[in-house]
Amino acid sequence: MSEAKLTLAPRPDYKIPPLRFASVSSSIFTGFPRRDLSRDATDLLDSHRPRPVITGQEHIPRTGAVLFVANHHHRKQMWIGWCGALLIEAINQVRPARVPAHIVVADEQRMRWGDGEVVIPTSKFFLRRVSRFWQMVQIPGDVMNTAGQARALRAVLTLLKQDRPVLLFPEGEIGSAYTLVEAKPGTGTFITLASRRALIVPVAFWEDGEQLHGQIAPPIVIGTGDDSAVRTQVMAAIGHMLPPSMGGPYAEAIALSYPPVREGLP
């Protein structure tokens, strides 16, 4: 397990350079010029100091279908796109492509408000355009929209049948940069179905001081078809790579699945 400790100091603002934001936004809304997702990911990462880093690229399958499952590391001054860019760049170094991975995203952006959640205005329109441009897979944030959820599942399975990499955030669109949160109900079943066609590769994101880190683990074998058990297994595999204080609701499962190795013992 990672021995890194979370800093209590204020965290840096991961700003997107205004000119780059304007250029990418223009392409998304006009459709021209066509862009290379991997190149844009690298340009974004190059714009921040210290540059985000990721390890474990040797665990990225060179061919075949793969479902990457990662924690939704997100906070006020760090857009989740930084984590996506870090993984996209790593995948592209192993499997070069204009779209190295298809990301599963919500069809609307929500934020916490009091004891509940509210939808951010205009987010549905913006995410629809972004998803079409970058060939992402949209999944309804409303769990009652079973037809939309089924369409998203079919879309992901189709991509996996084509041996394409897909990135899924089991926590959904509301994650935390400070601790793991509960994976969305149903994601365990989703991952179980995907595992019949693809390798399941956990990825963890966290910050150490002022630097964003990522780590890619070896593929895991899904042990049961039970939704809750699979969610716990996957989130524990992600949590194993994170600083201990980020375990959140999965701290006990992480400890049970990956007992710490005491110094001096094998």
Protein backbone atom coordinates (compact mmCIF):
# COMPACT_ATOMS: atom_id res chain seq x y z
CA MET A 1 0.00 0.00 0.00
CA SER A 2 1.20 3.49 -0.76
CA GLU A 3 2.94 5.15 2.16
CA ALA A 4 2.27 8.65 0.80
CA LYS A 5 0.47 11.00 3.19
CA LEU A 6 -2.11 13.57 2.27
CA THR A 7 -1.02 17.13 2.82
CA LEU A 8 -3.13 19.37 5.02
CA ALA A 9 -1.79 22.50 3.31
CA PRO A 10 -3.95 24.36 0.75
CA ARG A 11 -3.91 22.56 -2.56
CA PRO A 12 -2.89 24.24 -5.82
CA ASP A 13 -5.28 25.54 -8.42
CA TYR A 14 -5.05 23.40 -11.56
CA LYS A 15 -5.94 26.12 -14.05
CA ILE A 16 -6.58 25.43 -17.72
CA PRO A 17 -4.66 27.95 -19.87
CA PRO A 18 -7.28 30.40 -21.25
CA LEU A 19 -6.06 30.22 -24.87
CA ARG A 20 -6.09 26.42 -24.83
CA PHE A 21 -9.55 26.37 -23.26
CA ALA A 22 -10.83 28.75 -25.95
CA SER A 23 -9.22 26.71 -28.74
CA VAL A 24 -10.60 23.36 -27.56
CA SER A 25 -14.04 24.84 -26.82
CA SER A 26 -14.19 26.32 -30.31
CA SER A 27 -13.40 22.95 -31.88
CA ILE A 28 -16.01 21.20 -29.74
CA PHE A 29 -18.79 23.61 -30.64
CA THR A 30 -17.94 24.11 -34.31
CA GLY A 31 -16.56 20.65 -35.08
CA PHE A 32 -13.47 22.19 -36.66
CA PRO A 33 -10.62 21.61 -36.63
CA ARG A 34 -10.56 17.96 -35.66
CA ARG A 35 -8.40 17.39 -32.62
CA ASP A 36 -6.22 14.62 -31.23
CA LEU A 37 -7.33 13.72 -27.71
CA SER A 38 -3.94 12.32 -26.74
CA ARG A 39 -2.15 15.45 -27.94
CA ASP A 40 -4.58 17.71 -26.08
CA ALA A 41 -4.08 15.58 -22.95
CA THR A 42 -0.31 15.98 -23.15
CA ASP A 43 -0.57 19.73 -23.78
CA LEU A 44 -2.82 20.10 -20.72
CA LEU A 45 -0.43 18.13 -18.50
CA ASP A 46 2.55 20.16 -19.79
CA SER A 47 0.83 23.38 -18.70
CA HIS A 48 1.09 22.65 -14.97
CA ARG A 49 4.09 22.58 -12.68
CA PRO A 50 4.90 20.23 -11.12
CA ARG A 51 3.71 18.08 -13.99
CA PRO A 52 1.32 15.27 -12.98
CA VAL A 53 2.92 11.82 -13.05
CA ILE A 54 1.63 8.26 -13.40
CA THR A 55 3.22 4.86 -12.82
CA GLY A 56 2.29 1.30 -13.75
CA GLN A 57 2.10 1.79 -17.52
CA GLU A 58 3.49 -1.73 -17.85
CA HIS A 59 0.09 -3.01 -16.70
CA ILE A 60 -1.73 -1.49 -19.68
CA PRO A 61 -2.67 -4.31 -22.08
CA ARG A 62 -1.11 -3.68 -25.49
CA THR A 63 -4.04 -5.22 -27.34
CA GLY A 64 -7.58 -6.35 -26.67
CA ALA A 65 -10.50 -4.95 -24.71
CA VAL A 66 -9.85 -3.33 -21.34
CA LEU A 67 -12.05 -1.52 -18.82
CA PHE A 68 -10.10 0.91 -16.64
CA VAL A 69 -11.86 1.63 -13.32
CA ALA A 70 -10.70 4.69 -11.37
CA ASN A 71 -11.60 6.91 -8.43
CA HIS A 72 -13.26 10.22 -9.38
CA HIS A 73 -10.55 12.51 -7.97
CA HIS A 74 -12.20 15.90 -8.17
CA ARG A 75 -12.28 19.11 -6.15
CA LYS A 76 -13.12 22.77 -6.59
CA GLN A 77 -9.78 23.74 -8.14
CA MET A 78 -9.07 20.48 -9.94
CA TRP A 79 -11.30 19.36 -12.81
CA ILE A 80 -11.55 15.59 -13.23
CA GLY A 81 -10.20 16.08 -16.76
CA TRP A 82 -6.68 16.32 -15.33
CA CYS A 83 -6.93 12.69 -14.16
CA GLY A 84 -8.44 11.67 -17.46
CA ALA A 85 -5.62 13.38 -19.35
CA LEU A 86 -3.01 11.61 -17.22
CA LEU A 87 -4.45 8.18 -18.03
CA ILE A 88 -5.16 9.04 -21.68
CA GLU A 89 -1.51 9.99 -22.19
CA ALA A 90 -0.33 6.75 -20.53
CA ILE A 91 -2.65 4.63 -22.68
CA ASN A 92 -1.58 6.45 -25.84
CA GLN A 93 2.07 5.67 -25.12
CA VAL A 94 1.19 1.97 -25.18
CA ARG A 95 -1.69 1.95 -27.68
CA PRO A 96 -1.43 5.07 -29.89
CA ALA A 97 -4.76 6.34 -31.25
CA ARG A 98 -6.57 9.63 -31.81
CA VAL A 99 -9.00 8.53 -29.10
CA PRO A 100 -6.89 6.24 -26.87
CA ALA A 101 -9.83 5.48 -24.55
CA HIS A 102 -13.57 6.06 -24.47
CA ILE A 103 -14.63 7.65 -21.19
CA VAL A 104 -17.99 6.90 -19.56
CA VAL A 105 -19.42 10.24 -18.41
CA ALA A 106 -22.68 11.40 -16.85
CA ASP A 107 -25.21 13.13 -19.08
CA GLU A 108 -25.36 16.03 -16.61
CA GLN A 109 -23.08 17.46 -13.96
CA ARG A 110 -24.29 17.46 -10.36
CA MET A 111 -22.90 19.09 -7.26
CA ARG A 112 -23.58 18.71 -3.57
CA TRP A 113 -26.01 21.24 -2.12
CA GLY A 114 -26.87 20.93 1.54
CA ASP A 115 -27.93 17.35 2.16
CA GLY A 116 -28.70 16.65 -1.48
CA GLU A 117 -27.54 17.23 -5.03
CA VAL A 118 -28.47 19.73 -7.73
CA VAL A 119 -27.87 19.67 -11.49
CA ILE A 120 -25.56 22.39 -12.79
CA PRO A 121 -27.47 24.49 -15.37
CA THR A 122 -26.42 24.00 -19.05
CA SER A 123 -24.27 21.00 -18.09
CA LYS A 124 -26.45 18.59 -20.08
CA PHE A 125 -26.01 20.58 -23.30
CA PHE A 126 -22.25 21.03 -22.79
CA LEU A 127 -21.59 17.38 -21.91
CA ARG A 128 -23.58 16.20 -24.92
CA ARG A 129 -21.34 18.21 -27.27
CA VAL A 130 -18.14 17.13 -25.52
CA SER A 131 -19.20 13.48 -25.57
CA ARG A 132 -19.92 13.50 -29.28
CA PHE A 133 -16.65 15.24 -30.09
CA TRP A 134 -14.44 12.94 -28.01
CA GLN A 135 -16.50 9.76 -28.62
CA MET A 136 -17.37 9.39 -24.94
CA VAL A 137 -20.23 7.27 -23.63
CA GLN A 138 -22.94 9.16 -21.75
CA ILE A 139 -24.83 7.45 -18.95
CA PRO A 140 -27.89 9.02 -17.26
CA GLY A 141 -27.26 10.49 -13.83
CA ASP A 142 -30.88 9.63 -13.00
CA VAL A 143 -30.79 6.00 -11.84
CA MET A 144 -34.51 5.72 -12.63
CA ASN A 145 -33.74 6.17 -16.33
CA THR A 146 -33.30 2.44 -16.90
CA ALA A 147 -33.65 2.72 -20.68
CA GLY A 148 -30.82 5.25 -20.85
CA GLN A 149 -28.67 3.16 -18.54
CA ALA A 150 -29.25 0.10 -20.74
CA ARG A 151 -28.25 2.07 -23.86
CA ALA A 152 -25.02 3.16 -22.19
CA LEU A 153 -24.23 -0.41 -21.15
CA ARG A 154 -24.80 -1.65 -24.71
CA ALA A 155 -22.56 1.13 -26.06
CA VAL A 156 -19.73 0.17 -23.71
CA LEU A 157 -20.07 -3.53 -24.50
CA THR A 158 -19.98 -2.71 -28.23
CA LEU A 159 -16.72 -0.81 -27.76
CA LEU A 160 -15.26 -3.69 -25.77
CA LYS A 161 -16.26 -6.13 -28.51
CA GLN A 162 -14.20 -3.92 -30.83
CA ASP A 163 -11.20 -4.34 -28.47
CA ARG A 164 -11.31 -0.67 -27.43
CA PRO A 165 -10.20 0.66 -24.01
CA VAL A 166 -12.92 2.23 -21.86
CA LEU A 167 -12.59 4.30 -18.67
CA LEU A 168 -15.26 4.08 -15.97
CA PHE A 169 -15.53 5.99 -12.67
CA PRO A 170 -17.59 3.71 -10.38
CA GLU A 171 -18.23 6.61 -7.96
CA GLY A 172 -20.07 8.49 -10.69
CA GLU A 173 -19.73 12.21 -11.29
CA ILE A 174 -19.56 13.18 -7.61
CA GLY A 175 -16.24 12.02 -6.25
CA SER A 176 -13.76 13.54 -3.82
CA ALA A 177 -10.10 14.46 -3.88
CA TYR A 178 -9.88 13.67 -0.18
CA THR A 179 -11.44 10.24 0.24
CA LEU A 180 -13.15 7.47 -1.66
CA VAL A 181 -16.95 7.62 -1.77
CA GLU A 182 -19.50 4.85 -2.29
CA ALA A 183 -19.55 3.44 -5.81
CA LYS A 184 -22.87 3.89 -7.58
CA PRO A 185 -25.31 0.98 -7.23
CA GLY A 186 -25.30 -1.08 -10.41
CA THR A 187 -21.68 -0.43 -11.32
CA GLY A 188 -20.70 -3.79 -9.87
CA THR A 189 -23.09 -5.58 -12.23
CA PHE A 190 -21.86 -3.38 -15.07
CA ILE A 191 -18.23 -4.34 -14.36
CA THR A 192 -19.12 -8.03 -14.06
CA LEU A 193 -20.68 -8.00 -17.54
CA ALA A 194 -17.69 -6.11 -18.94
CA SER A 195 -15.27 -8.61 -17.39
CA ARG A 196 -16.64 -11.31 -19.69
CA ARG A 197 -15.22 -9.40 -22.64
CA ALA A 198 -12.40 -7.30 -21.20
CA LEU A 199 -9.62 -7.10 -18.66
CA ILE A 200 -10.49 -5.00 -15.60
CA VAL A 201 -7.63 -2.64 -14.68
CA PRO A 202 -7.84 -0.47 -11.51
CA VAL A 203 -6.36 3.05 -11.54
CA ALA A 204 -5.87 5.36 -8.56
CA PHE A 205 -5.42 9.15 -8.46
CA TRP A 206 -4.27 11.22 -5.49
CA GLU A 207 -2.20 14.27 -4.63
CA ASP A 208 1.10 14.36 -2.79
CA GLY A 209 1.95 17.93 -1.87
CA GLU A 210 1.37 19.99 -5.01
CA GLN A 211 1.63 17.10 -7.48
CA LEU A 212 -1.13 14.94 -8.94
CA HIS A 213 -0.24 11.25 -9.01
CA GLY A 214 -1.72 8.28 -10.80
CA GLN A 215 -1.01 4.56 -10.52
CA ILE A 216 -2.16 1.70 -12.73
CA ALA A 217 -2.52 -1.77 -11.18
CA PRO A 218 -2.39 -5.19 -12.84
CA PRO A 219 -5.75 -6.53 -14.08
CA ILE A 220 -8.00 -8.06 -11.41
CA VAL A 221 -10.26 -11.10 -11.62
CA ILE A 222 -13.86 -10.36 -10.68
CA GLY A 223 -14.76 -12.97 -8.08
CA THR A 224 -18.55 -12.73 -7.84
CA GLY A 225 -21.54 -11.46 -9.74
CA ASP A 226 -23.08 -9.76 -6.70
CA ASP A 227 -23.27 -6.01 -7.37
CA SER A 228 -22.31 -4.87 -3.87
CA ALA A 229 -19.44 -7.36 -3.53
CA VAL A 230 -17.98 -6.41 -6.91
CA ARG A 231 -18.19 -2.70 -6.09
CA THR A 232 -16.32 -3.35 -2.85
CA GLN A 233 -13.70 -5.50 -4.59
CA VAL A 234 -13.03 -2.88 -7.26
CA MET A 235 -12.95 0.10 -4.90
CA ALA A 236 -10.66 -1.80 -2.50
CA ALA A 237 -8.29 -2.51 -5.40
CA ILE A 238 -8.24 1.21 -6.20
CA GLY A 239 -7.92 2.16 -2.52
CA HIS A 240 -4.94 -0.15 -2.08
CA MET A 241 -2.88 2.28 -4.18
CA LEU A 242 -4.06 5.40 -2.33
CA PRO A 243 -2.75 6.99 0.87
CA PRO A 244 -4.37 5.18 3.86
CA SER A 245 -6.37 8.25 4.89
CA MET A 246 -8.33 8.12 1.62
CA GLY A 247 -9.99 4.75 2.27
CA GLY A 248 -13.30 6.26 3.35
CA PRO A 249 -16.14 3.72 3.34
CA TYR A 250 -13.77 1.10 1.92
CA ALA A 251 -11.04 1.40 4.59
CA GLU A 252 -11.99 -1.89 6.24
CA ALA A 253 -12.28 -3.76 2.93
CA ILE A 254 -8.88 -2.43 1.88
CA ALA A 255 -7.30 -3.59 5.13
CA LEU A 256 -8.91 -7.03 4.87
CA SER A 257 -8.05 -7.52 1.20
CA TYR A 258 -4.57 -6.02 1.36
CA PRO A 259 -3.14 -6.40 4.88
CA PRO A 260 -0.13 -4.11 5.45
CA VAL A 261 3.32 -5.70 5.25
CA ARG A 262 5.23 -5.08 8.46
CA GLU A 263 8.83 -3.99 8.20
CA GLY A 264 11.27 -6.88 8.37
CA LEU A 265 8.68 -9.47 7.33
CA PRO A 266 8.24 -10.98 3.86
